[in-house]
Amino acid sequence: MHPQLAQDTFFVGDFPLSTCRLMNDMQFPWLILIPRVPGVSELYELSQADQEQFLRESSWLSSQLARVFRADKMNVAALGNIVPQLHFHHVVRYQNDVAWPKPVWGTPAIPYSNDVLAHMRQTLMLALRGQGDMPFDWRMD
């Protein structure tokens, strides 16, 4: 895993293909999905089967986040300008959030406090484990 991703996020768990991590910014429910395939920086570099699985995992994650957090809009993006390793950002957006309607990238992060992080972990556990037909190995450390 790219060092920047490891530094900026908390491990949440694993899908069949991808690792899921929580961005350390308490202003937004923001998860990052990273396929566990070495040396891949673009979606098209994955095999056809892995592309389909990654998009399935991304869609499922987006739907769960939108449902649990009652999103006005889900922002899903793959930029890779700073971190070349393929990863998709999944950001829950509200019309009244601090960055709306602009992208979240320009807003300085506010790291999670221990209490808020504990609450987010509980919320994510309920949202992601055992929901629907997507296997998810919940191991948030």
N, C-alpha and C. Protein backbone atom coordinates (compact mmCIF):
# COMPACT_ATOMS: atom_id res chain seq x y z
N MET A 1 0.84 -1.18 0.00
CA MET A 1 0.00 0.00 0.00
C MET A 1 0.88 1.24 0.00
N HIS A 2 0.43 2.23 -0.76
CA HIS A 2 1.17 3.49 -0.83
C HIS A 2 1.24 4.11 0.57
N PRO A 3 2.41 4.64 0.97
CA PRO A 3 2.57 5.20 2.32
C PRO A 3 1.57 6.32 2.64
N GLN A 4 1.20 7.13 1.66
CA GLN A 4 0.25 8.22 1.91
C GLN A 4 -1.12 7.68 2.31
N LEU A 5 -1.56 6.61 1.64
CA LEU A 5 -2.85 5.99 2.00
C LEU A 5 -2.79 5.44 3.42
N ALA A 6 -1.69 4.79 3.76
CA ALA A 6 -1.55 4.23 5.10
C ALA A 6 -1.55 5.34 6.15
N GLN A 7 -0.90 6.45 5.85
CA GLN A 7 -0.79 7.56 6.80
C GLN A 7 -2.13 8.28 7.02
N ASP A 8 -2.92 8.43 5.97
CA ASP A 8 -4.12 9.26 6.02
C ASP A 8 -5.40 8.52 6.37
N THR A 9 -5.32 7.20 6.56
CA THR A 9 -6.54 6.40 6.71
C THR A 9 -6.43 5.38 7.83
N PHE A 10 -7.60 4.86 8.21
CA PHE A 10 -7.69 3.75 9.17
C PHE A 10 -8.21 2.53 8.42
N PHE A 11 -7.62 1.37 8.71
CA PHE A 11 -8.09 0.13 8.11
C PHE A 11 -9.50 -0.18 8.61
N VAL A 12 -10.38 -0.58 7.70
CA VAL A 12 -11.75 -0.96 8.06
C VAL A 12 -11.95 -2.46 7.88
N GLY A 13 -11.62 -2.98 6.70
CA GLY A 13 -11.82 -4.40 6.44
C GLY A 13 -11.56 -4.71 4.98
N ASP A 14 -11.87 -5.96 4.61
CA ASP A 14 -11.58 -6.42 3.26
C ASP A 14 -12.81 -6.97 2.56
N PHE A 15 -12.96 -6.58 1.31
CA PHE A 15 -13.87 -7.22 0.37
C PHE A 15 -13.07 -8.34 -0.30
N PRO A 16 -13.70 -9.14 -1.16
CA PRO A 16 -12.95 -10.21 -1.83
C PRO A 16 -11.72 -9.70 -2.60
N LEU A 17 -11.81 -8.53 -3.24
CA LEU A 17 -10.69 -8.01 -4.02
C LEU A 17 -10.00 -6.83 -3.35
N SER A 18 -10.73 -6.03 -2.61
CA SER A 18 -10.24 -4.72 -2.18
C SER A 18 -10.18 -4.58 -0.68
N THR A 19 -9.28 -3.70 -0.26
CA THR A 19 -9.20 -3.26 1.12
C THR A 19 -9.99 -1.96 1.24
N CYS A 20 -10.70 -1.81 2.34
CA CYS A 20 -11.50 -0.62 2.61
C CYS A 20 -10.87 0.14 3.78
N ARG A 21 -10.66 1.44 3.60
CA ARG A 21 -10.04 2.27 4.63
C ARG A 21 -10.86 3.54 4.83
N LEU A 22 -10.86 4.05 6.05
CA LEU A 22 -11.57 5.27 6.42
C LEU A 22 -10.60 6.44 6.40
N MET A 23 -10.94 7.48 5.65
CA MET A 23 -10.12 8.70 5.61
C MET A 23 -10.20 9.39 6.97
N ASN A 24 -9.07 9.86 7.46
CA ASN A 24 -9.02 10.52 8.77
C ASN A 24 -9.44 11.99 8.62
N ASP A 25 -10.72 12.17 8.34
CA ASP A 25 -11.32 13.51 8.22
C ASP A 25 -12.76 13.41 8.70
N MET A 26 -13.02 13.90 9.90
CA MET A 26 -14.34 13.71 10.50
C MET A 26 -15.42 14.61 9.90
N GLN A 27 -15.08 15.44 8.93
CA GLN A 27 -16.09 16.29 8.29
C GLN A 27 -16.97 15.53 7.32
N PHE A 28 -16.48 14.37 6.84
CA PHE A 28 -17.20 13.61 5.82
C PHE A 28 -17.08 12.12 6.10
N PRO A 29 -18.17 11.37 5.99
CA PRO A 29 -18.01 9.91 5.91
C PRO A 29 -17.30 9.62 4.58
N TRP A 30 -16.06 9.11 4.66
CA TRP A 30 -15.20 9.04 3.48
C TRP A 30 -14.40 7.75 3.53
N LEU A 31 -14.73 6.82 2.67
CA LEU A 31 -14.02 5.55 2.62
C LEU A 31 -13.26 5.43 1.31
N ILE A 32 -12.16 4.72 1.36
CA ILE A 32 -11.31 4.50 0.19
C ILE A 32 -11.23 3.00 -0.07
N LEU A 33 -11.45 2.63 -1.30
CA LEU A 33 -11.41 1.24 -1.73
C LEU A 33 -10.15 1.04 -2.57
N ILE A 34 -9.32 0.07 -2.16
CA ILE A 34 -8.02 -0.16 -2.80
C ILE A 34 -7.92 -1.63 -3.22
N PRO A 35 -7.89 -1.91 -4.52
CA PRO A 35 -7.74 -3.32 -4.92
C PRO A 35 -6.37 -3.86 -4.48
N ARG A 36 -6.38 -5.08 -3.98
CA ARG A 36 -5.13 -5.72 -3.55
C ARG A 36 -4.46 -6.42 -4.74
N VAL A 37 -4.10 -5.62 -5.73
CA VAL A 37 -3.42 -6.10 -6.93
C VAL A 37 -2.18 -5.22 -7.09
N PRO A 38 -1.00 -5.79 -6.95
CA PRO A 38 0.21 -4.96 -6.99
C PRO A 38 0.45 -4.32 -8.36
N GLY A 39 1.01 -3.10 -8.30
CA GLY A 39 1.46 -2.43 -9.51
C GLY A 39 0.39 -1.86 -10.41
N VAL A 40 -0.83 -1.70 -9.90
CA VAL A 40 -1.93 -1.21 -10.74
C VAL A 40 -2.22 0.25 -10.37
N SER A 41 -2.22 1.11 -11.39
CA SER A 41 -2.54 2.52 -11.14
C SER A 41 -3.80 2.97 -11.88
N GLU A 42 -4.28 2.18 -12.81
CA GLU A 42 -5.47 2.54 -13.59
C GLU A 42 -6.46 1.38 -13.59
N LEU A 43 -7.74 1.71 -13.65
CA LEU A 43 -8.78 0.69 -13.66
C LEU A 43 -8.59 -0.29 -14.81
N TYR A 44 -8.24 0.22 -15.98
CA TYR A 44 -8.10 -0.65 -17.16
C TYR A 44 -6.93 -1.63 -17.05
N GLU A 45 -6.04 -1.43 -16.08
CA GLU A 45 -4.93 -2.35 -15.88
C GLU A 45 -5.33 -3.62 -15.12
N LEU A 46 -6.49 -3.58 -14.50
CA LEU A 46 -7.02 -4.79 -13.85
C LEU A 46 -7.52 -5.75 -14.92
N SER A 47 -7.52 -7.03 -14.60
CA SER A 47 -8.14 -8.00 -15.51
C SER A 47 -9.63 -7.68 -15.62
N GLN A 48 -10.26 -8.21 -16.64
CA GLN A 48 -11.70 -7.98 -16.82
C GLN A 48 -12.48 -8.44 -15.58
N ALA A 49 -12.13 -9.61 -15.07
CA ALA A 49 -12.82 -10.13 -13.88
C ALA A 49 -12.60 -9.23 -12.67
N ASP A 50 -11.36 -8.74 -12.49
CA ASP A 50 -11.07 -7.85 -11.36
C ASP A 50 -11.74 -6.49 -11.54
N GLN A 51 -11.82 -5.99 -12.77
CA GLN A 51 -12.55 -4.74 -13.00
C GLN A 51 -14.00 -4.89 -12.56
N GLU A 52 -14.63 -5.97 -12.98
CA GLU A 52 -16.04 -6.20 -12.63
C GLU A 52 -16.20 -6.34 -11.13
N GLN A 53 -15.30 -7.07 -10.46
CA GLN A 53 -15.40 -7.24 -9.02
C GLN A 53 -15.18 -5.91 -8.30
N PHE A 54 -14.19 -5.14 -8.73
CA PHE A 54 -13.90 -3.85 -8.10
C PHE A 54 -15.09 -2.91 -8.23
N LEU A 55 -15.69 -2.85 -9.40
CA LEU A 55 -16.86 -1.99 -9.59
C LEU A 55 -18.06 -2.49 -8.80
N ARG A 56 -18.19 -3.80 -8.66
CA ARG A 56 -19.26 -4.36 -7.82
C ARG A 56 -19.07 -3.93 -6.37
N GLU A 57 -17.84 -4.05 -5.89
CA GLU A 57 -17.54 -3.65 -4.51
C GLU A 57 -17.77 -2.15 -4.32
N SER A 58 -17.34 -1.34 -5.28
CA SER A 58 -17.51 0.10 -5.20
C SER A 58 -18.99 0.49 -5.20
N SER A 59 -19.77 -0.13 -6.06
CA SER A 59 -21.21 0.17 -6.11
C SER A 59 -21.90 -0.24 -4.83
N TRP A 60 -21.55 -1.42 -4.32
CA TRP A 60 -22.16 -1.89 -3.07
C TRP A 60 -21.80 -0.96 -1.92
N LEU A 61 -20.51 -0.59 -1.82
CA LEU A 61 -20.07 0.32 -0.77
C LEU A 61 -20.81 1.65 -0.87
N SER A 62 -20.92 2.19 -2.06
CA SER A 62 -21.63 3.47 -2.26
C SER A 62 -23.08 3.37 -1.81
N SER A 63 -23.74 2.29 -2.17
CA SER A 63 -25.16 2.14 -1.80
C SER A 63 -25.32 2.03 -0.29
N GLN A 64 -24.41 1.32 0.38
CA GLN A 64 -24.51 1.19 1.83
C GLN A 64 -24.24 2.52 2.52
N LEU A 65 -23.23 3.25 2.05
CA LEU A 65 -22.94 4.55 2.65
C LEU A 65 -24.09 5.53 2.43
N ALA A 66 -24.64 5.56 1.22
CA ALA A 66 -25.76 6.46 0.94
C ALA A 66 -26.95 6.14 1.82
N ARG A 67 -27.21 4.86 2.03
CA ARG A 67 -28.35 4.43 2.85
C ARG A 67 -28.13 4.79 4.33
N VAL A 68 -27.00 4.39 4.87
CA VAL A 68 -26.76 4.56 6.30
C VAL A 68 -26.60 6.03 6.68
N PHE A 69 -25.91 6.79 5.85
CA PHE A 69 -25.64 8.19 6.17
C PHE A 69 -26.62 9.15 5.52
N ARG A 70 -27.60 8.62 4.80
CA ARG A 70 -28.63 9.43 4.15
C ARG A 70 -28.02 10.56 3.31
N ALA A 71 -27.15 10.15 2.42
CA ALA A 71 -26.41 11.10 1.57
C ALA A 71 -27.34 11.87 0.65
N ASP A 72 -27.04 13.14 0.46
CA ASP A 72 -27.68 13.90 -0.62
C ASP A 72 -27.05 13.49 -1.95
N LYS A 73 -25.76 13.17 -1.91
CA LYS A 73 -25.02 12.78 -3.12
C LYS A 73 -23.82 11.96 -2.70
N MET A 74 -23.51 10.93 -3.47
CA MET A 74 -22.28 10.17 -3.26
C MET A 74 -21.26 10.65 -4.29
N ASN A 75 -20.10 11.06 -3.81
CA ASN A 75 -18.99 11.38 -4.71
C ASN A 75 -18.05 10.17 -4.74
N VAL A 76 -17.87 9.60 -5.91
CA VAL A 76 -16.96 8.47 -6.10
C VAL A 76 -15.95 8.91 -7.14
N ALA A 77 -14.66 8.84 -6.78
CA ALA A 77 -13.63 9.36 -7.68
C ALA A 77 -12.33 8.59 -7.56
N ALA A 78 -11.63 8.53 -8.67
CA ALA A 78 -10.27 7.99 -8.73
C ALA A 78 -9.40 9.06 -9.36
N LEU A 79 -8.54 9.68 -8.58
CA LEU A 79 -7.70 10.75 -9.11
C LEU A 79 -6.27 10.26 -9.34
N GLY A 80 -5.58 9.91 -8.28
CA GLY A 80 -4.24 9.35 -8.41
C GLY A 80 -3.15 10.34 -8.76
N ASN A 81 -3.39 11.63 -8.58
CA ASN A 81 -2.36 12.61 -8.89
C ASN A 81 -1.23 12.58 -7.86
N ILE A 82 -1.54 12.29 -6.62
CA ILE A 82 -0.54 12.22 -5.55
C ILE A 82 -0.20 10.77 -5.24
N VAL A 83 -1.21 9.92 -5.17
CA VAL A 83 -1.04 8.50 -4.88
C VAL A 83 -1.32 7.72 -6.17
N PRO A 84 -0.28 7.19 -6.81
CA PRO A 84 -0.50 6.51 -8.09
C PRO A 84 -1.21 5.16 -7.97
N GLN A 85 -1.19 4.54 -6.80
CA GLN A 85 -1.85 3.24 -6.63
C GLN A 85 -3.36 3.40 -6.86
N LEU A 86 -3.96 2.51 -7.64
CA LEU A 86 -5.39 2.58 -7.92
C LEU A 86 -6.19 2.55 -6.63
N HIS A 87 -7.07 3.54 -6.46
CA HIS A 87 -7.98 3.58 -5.32
C HIS A 87 -9.15 4.48 -5.69
N PHE A 88 -10.31 4.15 -5.16
CA PHE A 88 -11.53 4.96 -5.37
C PHE A 88 -11.92 5.59 -4.04
N HIS A 89 -12.17 6.89 -4.07
CA HIS A 89 -12.72 7.60 -2.92
C HIS A 89 -14.24 7.49 -2.97
N HIS A 90 -14.86 7.25 -1.82
CA HIS A 90 -16.32 7.19 -1.69
C HIS A 90 -16.69 8.18 -0.59
N VAL A 91 -17.20 9.34 -0.97
CA VAL A 91 -17.44 10.42 -0.02
C VAL A 91 -18.93 10.72 0.04
N VAL A 92 -19.48 10.65 1.24
CA VAL A 92 -20.88 11.02 1.47
C VAL A 92 -20.94 12.54 1.50
N ARG A 93 -21.82 13.11 0.68
CA ARG A 93 -21.95 14.56 0.62
C ARG A 93 -23.36 14.99 1.01
N TYR A 94 -23.41 16.16 1.64
CA TYR A 94 -24.67 16.80 2.02
C TYR A 94 -24.66 18.23 1.48
N GLN A 95 -25.82 18.72 1.15
CA GLN A 95 -25.90 20.09 0.63
C GLN A 95 -25.46 21.12 1.66
N ASN A 96 -25.41 20.73 2.93
CA ASN A 96 -24.98 21.67 3.97
C ASN A 96 -23.59 21.34 4.52
N ASP A 97 -22.81 20.47 3.83
CA ASP A 97 -21.47 20.17 4.35
C ASP A 97 -20.53 21.35 4.07
N VAL A 98 -19.37 21.34 4.72
CA VAL A 98 -18.46 22.50 4.68
C VAL A 98 -17.91 22.79 3.29
N ALA A 99 -17.90 21.82 2.40
CA ALA A 99 -17.31 22.03 1.08
C ALA A 99 -18.34 22.18 -0.03
N TRP A 100 -19.61 21.87 0.24
CA TRP A 100 -20.64 21.85 -0.80
C TRP A 100 -20.72 23.20 -1.50
N PRO A 101 -20.84 23.25 -2.81
CA PRO A 101 -20.91 22.15 -3.77
C PRO A 101 -19.55 21.80 -4.36
N LYS A 102 -18.49 22.34 -3.79
CA LYS A 102 -17.14 22.12 -4.32
C LYS A 102 -16.63 20.73 -3.91
N PRO A 103 -15.52 20.29 -4.52
CA PRO A 103 -14.91 19.02 -4.12
C PRO A 103 -14.36 19.09 -2.69
N VAL A 104 -14.25 17.96 -2.05
CA VAL A 104 -13.75 17.92 -0.67
C VAL A 104 -12.24 18.15 -0.61
N TRP A 105 -11.53 17.99 -1.72
CA TRP A 105 -10.07 18.03 -1.70
C TRP A 105 -9.52 19.36 -1.19
N GLY A 106 -10.18 20.47 -1.43
CA GLY A 106 -9.67 21.77 -1.03
C GLY A 106 -9.96 22.14 0.41
N THR A 107 -10.71 21.33 1.11
CA THR A 107 -11.08 21.62 2.50
C THR A 107 -10.07 20.96 3.44
N PRO A 108 -9.43 21.74 4.32
CA PRO A 108 -8.46 21.13 5.24
C PRO A 108 -9.13 20.05 6.10
N ALA A 109 -8.44 18.93 6.26
CA ALA A 109 -8.99 17.81 7.03
C ALA A 109 -9.02 18.14 8.52
N ILE A 110 -10.03 17.62 9.19
CA ILE A 110 -10.11 17.67 10.65
C ILE A 110 -10.04 16.22 11.12
N PRO A 111 -8.91 15.82 11.74
CA PRO A 111 -8.75 14.42 12.15
C PRO A 111 -9.82 14.02 13.17
N TYR A 112 -10.13 12.73 13.16
CA TYR A 112 -11.10 12.19 14.11
C TYR A 112 -10.58 12.31 15.53
N SER A 113 -11.46 12.72 16.44
CA SER A 113 -11.17 12.57 17.87
C SER A 113 -11.45 11.10 18.21
N ASN A 114 -10.95 10.64 19.34
CA ASN A 114 -11.16 9.24 19.72
C ASN A 114 -12.64 8.90 19.85
N ASP A 115 -13.43 9.80 20.44
CA ASP A 115 -14.87 9.54 20.63
C ASP A 115 -15.60 9.47 19.30
N VAL A 116 -15.33 10.41 18.41
CA VAL A 116 -16.01 10.43 17.11
C VAL A 116 -15.57 9.23 16.27
N LEU A 117 -14.29 8.87 16.36
CA LEU A 117 -13.80 7.70 15.63
C LEU A 117 -14.48 6.42 16.13
N ALA A 118 -14.64 6.29 17.44
CA ALA A 118 -15.31 5.11 17.99
C ALA A 118 -16.75 5.02 17.49
N HIS A 119 -17.44 6.14 17.44
CA HIS A 119 -18.82 6.16 16.94
C HIS A 119 -18.86 5.81 15.45
N MET A 120 -17.93 6.35 14.66
CA MET A 120 -17.87 6.04 13.23
C MET A 120 -17.59 4.56 13.01
N ARG A 121 -16.70 3.99 13.81
CA ARG A 121 -16.40 2.56 13.69
C ARG A 121 -17.65 1.72 13.92
N GLN A 122 -18.41 2.07 14.94
CA GLN A 122 -19.64 1.34 15.24
C GLN A 122 -20.64 1.47 14.09
N THR A 123 -20.79 2.67 13.58
CA THR A 123 -21.71 2.90 12.46
C THR A 123 -21.29 2.11 11.23
N LEU A 124 -20.00 2.13 10.92
CA LEU A 124 -19.50 1.38 9.76
C LEU A 124 -19.66 -0.12 9.94
N MET A 125 -19.42 -0.60 11.15
CA MET A 125 -19.59 -2.03 11.41
C MET A 125 -21.02 -2.46 11.11
N LEU A 126 -21.98 -1.69 11.58
CA LEU A 126 -23.38 -2.02 11.33
C LEU A 126 -23.73 -1.88 9.86
N ALA A 127 -23.11 -0.93 9.17
CA ALA A 127 -23.42 -0.69 7.76
C ALA A 127 -22.84 -1.75 6.84
N LEU A 128 -21.66 -2.27 7.18
CA LEU A 128 -20.91 -3.07 6.22
C LEU A 128 -20.93 -4.57 6.47
N ARG A 129 -21.12 -4.99 7.69
CA ARG A 129 -21.04 -6.44 7.92
C ARG A 129 -22.38 -7.11 7.68
N GLY A 130 -22.32 -8.17 6.95
CA GLY A 130 -23.49 -9.01 6.76
C GLY A 130 -24.66 -8.36 6.05
N GLN A 131 -24.41 -7.38 5.22
CA GLN A 131 -25.49 -6.71 4.50
C GLN A 131 -25.52 -7.20 3.06
N GLY A 132 -26.63 -7.75 2.64
CA GLY A 132 -26.78 -8.15 1.25
C GLY A 132 -25.87 -9.31 0.88
N ASP A 133 -25.47 -9.36 -0.37
CA ASP A 133 -24.71 -10.50 -0.86
C ASP A 133 -23.23 -10.19 -1.08
N MET A 134 -22.72 -9.13 -0.48
CA MET A 134 -21.31 -8.77 -0.66
C MET A 134 -20.52 -9.22 0.57
N PRO A 135 -19.61 -10.20 0.41
CA PRO A 135 -18.79 -10.60 1.56
C PRO A 135 -17.89 -9.45 2.00
N PHE A 136 -17.83 -9.23 3.31
CA PHE A 136 -16.97 -8.19 3.85
C PHE A 136 -16.38 -8.69 5.15
N ASP A 137 -15.06 -8.71 5.23
CA ASP A 137 -14.34 -9.16 6.41
C ASP A 137 -14.05 -7.95 7.28
N TRP A 138 -14.91 -7.77 8.29
CA TRP A 138 -14.81 -6.62 9.18
C TRP A 138 -13.68 -6.85 10.17
N ARG A 139 -12.65 -6.01 10.13
CA ARG A 139 -11.54 -6.14 11.06
C ARG A 139 -11.00 -4.77 11.44
N MET A 140 -11.82 -3.80 11.58
CA MET A 140 -11.33 -2.43 11.79
C MET A 140 -10.43 -2.37 13.01
N ASP A 141 -9.16 -2.08 12.78
CA ASP A 141 -8.17 -2.01 13.86
C ASP A 141 -8.10 -0.62 14.43
